[in-house]
Amino acid sequence: MKFNHLLTEKERLQFCKNRNPSVCKWKPVSEGYATVGDNIRVSMLCEKCGSRTEKFLSYDNYKVHEKVILSEVKSVSASK
């Protein structure tokens, strides 16, 4: 499943080594971690080039995507 919608196009271009947002396939690789100011940090990985970045989501935005993020992280860790 793609999670490209969590990153802006500028972030996808900036962090992916391919520099082609249509090729990128970002996915979360860790559960969210609480940060100061009601933000949640989620580590993201591009499956195509191996680039990593951290995405900071507001608490409300994280809650909207929480179930699919956790299921993706669990499926990745189970396949290792």
N, C-alpha and C. Protein backbone atom coordinates (compact mmCIF):
# COMPACT_ATOMS: atom_id res chain seq x y z
N MET A 1 0.84 -1.17 0.00
CA MET A 1 0.00 0.00 0.00
C MET A 1 0.89 1.24 0.00
N LYS A 2 0.56 2.22 -0.82
CA LYS A 2 1.30 3.47 -0.87
C LYS A 2 0.81 4.42 0.21
N PHE A 3 1.73 5.14 0.80
CA PHE A 3 1.41 6.17 1.78
C PHE A 3 1.95 7.52 1.30
N ASN A 4 2.07 7.67 -0.02
CA ASN A 4 2.60 8.90 -0.59
C ASN A 4 1.77 10.11 -0.21
N HIS A 5 0.49 9.91 0.06
CA HIS A 5 -0.38 11.04 0.40
C HIS A 5 0.01 11.70 1.73
N LEU A 6 0.78 11.01 2.56
CA LEU A 6 1.21 11.61 3.82
C LEU A 6 2.33 12.63 3.62
N LEU A 7 3.05 12.52 2.51
CA LEU A 7 4.13 13.46 2.20
C LEU A 7 3.68 14.40 1.10
N THR A 8 4.10 15.65 1.19
CA THR A 8 3.80 16.59 0.11
C THR A 8 4.68 16.24 -1.09
N GLU A 9 4.31 16.75 -2.25
CA GLU A 9 5.11 16.47 -3.44
C GLU A 9 6.53 17.00 -3.28
N LYS A 10 6.66 18.14 -2.64
CA LYS A 10 7.99 18.71 -2.39
C LYS A 10 8.82 17.78 -1.52
N GLU A 11 8.22 17.21 -0.48
CA GLU A 11 8.94 16.27 0.39
C GLU A 11 9.32 15.01 -0.37
N ARG A 12 8.42 14.51 -1.20
CA ARG A 12 8.74 13.31 -1.98
C ARG A 12 9.91 13.56 -2.91
N LEU A 13 9.94 14.71 -3.57
CA LEU A 13 11.05 15.05 -4.47
C LEU A 13 12.35 15.27 -3.70
N GLN A 14 12.25 15.90 -2.55
CA GLN A 14 13.42 16.25 -1.77
C GLN A 14 14.09 15.02 -1.18
N PHE A 15 13.32 14.07 -0.70
CA PHE A 15 13.89 12.96 0.05
C PHE A 15 14.15 11.70 -0.78
N CYS A 16 13.48 11.52 -1.91
CA CYS A 16 13.65 10.30 -2.70
C CYS A 16 14.81 10.46 -3.67
N LYS A 17 15.67 9.46 -3.75
CA LYS A 17 16.83 9.51 -4.64
C LYS A 17 16.43 9.46 -6.11
N ASN A 18 15.26 8.91 -6.42
CA ASN A 18 14.80 8.82 -7.81
C ASN A 18 14.45 10.18 -8.40
N ARG A 19 14.04 11.13 -7.55
CA ARG A 19 13.60 12.47 -7.97
C ARG A 19 12.44 12.41 -8.95
N ASN A 20 11.64 11.36 -8.84
CA ASN A 20 10.47 11.19 -9.69
C ASN A 20 9.33 10.72 -8.79
N PRO A 21 8.42 11.63 -8.40
CA PRO A 21 7.39 11.24 -7.43
C PRO A 21 6.43 10.16 -7.93
N SER A 22 6.34 9.94 -9.24
CA SER A 22 5.45 8.89 -9.72
C SER A 22 6.05 7.51 -9.50
N VAL A 23 7.35 7.43 -9.28
CA VAL A 23 8.03 6.15 -9.05
C VAL A 23 8.06 5.80 -7.56
N CYS A 24 8.07 6.82 -6.72
CA CYS A 24 8.19 6.62 -5.27
C CYS A 24 7.05 5.79 -4.70
N LYS A 25 7.40 5.00 -3.71
CA LYS A 25 6.38 4.24 -2.98
C LYS A 25 6.76 4.29 -1.50
N TRP A 26 6.28 5.33 -0.82
CA TRP A 26 6.60 5.53 0.58
C TRP A 26 5.71 4.68 1.47
N LYS A 27 6.30 4.15 2.54
CA LYS A 27 5.53 3.37 3.51
C LYS A 27 6.09 3.63 4.91
N PRO A 28 5.26 3.52 5.93
CA PRO A 28 5.74 3.69 7.31
C PRO A 28 6.49 2.44 7.75
N VAL A 29 7.56 2.65 8.51
CA VAL A 29 8.36 1.52 8.99
C VAL A 29 8.46 1.49 10.51
N SER A 30 7.77 2.42 11.17
CA SER A 30 7.74 2.39 12.63
C SER A 30 6.41 2.95 13.11
N GLU A 31 6.06 2.54 14.31
CA GLU A 31 4.85 3.10 14.91
C GLU A 31 5.09 4.57 15.20
N GLY A 32 4.05 5.30 15.41
CA GLY A 32 4.20 6.72 15.72
C GLY A 32 4.79 6.94 17.09
N TYR A 33 5.61 7.98 17.21
CA TYR A 33 6.20 8.38 18.49
C TYR A 33 5.73 9.78 18.82
N ALA A 34 5.29 9.98 20.04
CA ALA A 34 4.81 11.29 20.46
C ALA A 34 5.96 12.27 20.54
N THR A 35 5.69 13.50 20.12
CA THR A 35 6.67 14.58 20.22
C THR A 35 6.00 15.75 20.92
N VAL A 36 6.76 16.78 21.16
CA VAL A 36 6.24 17.98 21.80
C VAL A 36 5.22 18.66 20.90
N GLY A 37 4.16 19.19 21.48
CA GLY A 37 3.19 19.96 20.72
C GLY A 37 2.12 19.14 20.03
N ASP A 38 1.74 18.01 20.60
CA ASP A 38 0.69 17.16 20.02
C ASP A 38 0.99 16.71 18.60
N ASN A 39 2.24 16.37 18.33
CA ASN A 39 2.62 15.82 17.04
C ASN A 39 3.08 14.39 17.21
N ILE A 40 2.96 13.62 16.13
CA ILE A 40 3.39 12.22 16.13
C ILE A 40 4.41 12.07 15.01
N ARG A 41 5.56 11.47 15.32
CA ARG A 41 6.61 11.25 14.32
C ARG A 41 6.50 9.83 13.79
N VAL A 42 6.48 9.71 12.46
CA VAL A 42 6.40 8.41 11.80
C VAL A 42 7.59 8.30 10.85
N SER A 43 8.37 7.24 10.96
CA SER A 43 9.49 7.00 10.05
C SER A 43 8.94 6.43 8.76
N MET A 44 9.40 6.99 7.63
CA MET A 44 8.92 6.57 6.31
C MET A 44 10.11 6.06 5.49
N LEU A 45 9.86 5.06 4.62
CA LEU A 45 10.88 4.47 3.77
C LEU A 45 10.33 4.37 2.35
N CYS A 46 11.14 4.75 1.36
CA CYS A 46 10.76 4.57 -0.04
C CYS A 46 11.19 3.16 -0.46
N GLU A 47 10.24 2.34 -0.88
CA GLU A 47 10.55 0.97 -1.28
C GLU A 47 11.42 0.91 -2.52
N LYS A 48 11.33 1.90 -3.38
CA LYS A 48 12.04 1.86 -4.65
C LYS A 48 13.53 2.18 -4.53
N CYS A 49 13.89 3.17 -3.69
CA CYS A 49 15.29 3.59 -3.62
C CYS A 49 15.91 3.43 -2.23
N GLY A 50 15.11 3.14 -1.22
CA GLY A 50 15.63 2.95 0.13
C GLY A 50 15.82 4.22 0.93
N SER A 51 15.36 5.36 0.43
CA SER A 51 15.47 6.62 1.18
C SER A 51 14.57 6.59 2.40
N ARG A 52 15.01 7.28 3.45
CA ARG A 52 14.24 7.35 4.69
C ARG A 52 14.00 8.80 5.05
N THR A 53 12.89 9.06 5.72
CA THR A 53 12.60 10.38 6.25
C THR A 53 11.67 10.24 7.43
N GLU A 54 11.53 11.30 8.17
CA GLU A 54 10.60 11.35 9.30
C GLU A 54 9.47 12.30 8.92
N LYS A 55 8.25 11.88 9.16
CA LYS A 55 7.09 12.71 8.90
C LYS A 55 6.42 13.02 10.23
N PHE A 56 6.16 14.31 10.45
CA PHE A 56 5.48 14.73 11.66
C PHE A 56 4.03 15.02 11.32
N LEU A 57 3.13 14.29 11.96
CA LEU A 57 1.69 14.44 11.74
C LEU A 57 1.06 15.02 13.00
N SER A 58 0.04 15.82 12.79
CA SER A 58 -0.71 16.29 13.96
C SER A 58 -1.40 15.07 14.58
N TYR A 59 -1.72 15.18 15.84
CA TYR A 59 -2.36 14.05 16.54
C TYR A 59 -3.65 13.63 15.83
N ASP A 60 -4.46 14.61 15.42
CA ASP A 60 -5.73 14.29 14.75
C ASP A 60 -5.49 13.60 13.41
N ASN A 61 -4.51 14.07 12.65
CA ASN A 61 -4.21 13.46 11.36
C ASN A 61 -3.67 12.04 11.56
N TYR A 62 -2.85 11.84 12.57
CA TYR A 62 -2.34 10.50 12.86
C TYR A 62 -3.47 9.55 13.22
N LYS A 63 -4.42 10.01 14.03
CA LYS A 63 -5.54 9.16 14.43
C LYS A 63 -6.36 8.70 13.22
N VAL A 64 -6.47 9.55 12.20
CA VAL A 64 -7.20 9.17 10.98
C VAL A 64 -6.51 8.00 10.29
N HIS A 65 -5.18 7.99 10.28
CA HIS A 65 -4.41 6.97 9.56
C HIS A 65 -3.83 5.88 10.45
N GLU A 66 -4.10 5.93 11.73
CA GLU A 66 -3.44 5.04 12.69
C GLU A 66 -3.60 3.56 12.37
N LYS A 67 -4.79 3.11 12.07
CA LYS A 67 -5.02 1.67 11.84
C LYS A 67 -4.23 1.15 10.65
N VAL A 68 -4.21 1.89 9.54
CA VAL A 68 -3.49 1.40 8.37
C VAL A 68 -1.98 1.50 8.57
N ILE A 69 -1.51 2.52 9.29
CA ILE A 69 -0.08 2.63 9.59
C ILE A 69 0.37 1.45 10.45
N LEU A 70 -0.38 1.16 11.50
CA LEU A 70 -0.02 0.05 12.39
C LEU A 70 -0.08 -1.30 11.67
N SER A 71 -1.09 -1.50 10.82
CA SER A 71 -1.18 -2.77 10.09
C SER A 71 -0.02 -2.91 9.11
N GLU A 72 0.41 -1.82 8.48
CA GLU A 72 1.55 -1.86 7.56
C GLU A 72 2.84 -2.15 8.32
N VAL A 73 3.04 -1.53 9.46
CA VAL A 73 4.24 -1.75 10.26
C VAL A 73 4.28 -3.21 10.75
N LYS A 74 3.15 -3.73 11.18
CA LYS A 74 3.11 -5.12 11.65
C LYS A 74 3.37 -6.10 10.53
N SER A 75 2.84 -5.83 9.32
CA SER A 75 3.06 -6.75 8.19
C SER A 75 4.52 -6.72 7.74
N VAL A 76 5.15 -5.56 7.82
CA VAL A 76 6.57 -5.46 7.46
C VAL A 76 7.43 -6.20 8.46
N SER A 77 7.16 -6.04 9.76
CA SER A 77 7.96 -6.70 10.79
C SER A 77 7.71 -8.21 10.80
N ALA A 78 6.52 -8.64 10.43
CA ALA A 78 6.22 -10.07 10.39
C ALA A 78 6.91 -10.76 9.20
N SER A 79 7.14 -10.02 8.13
CA SER A 79 7.76 -10.61 6.95
C SER A 79 9.27 -10.73 7.07
N LYS A 80 9.87 -10.12 8.10
CA LYS A 80 11.35 -10.19 8.27
C LYS A 80 11.77 -11.48 8.87
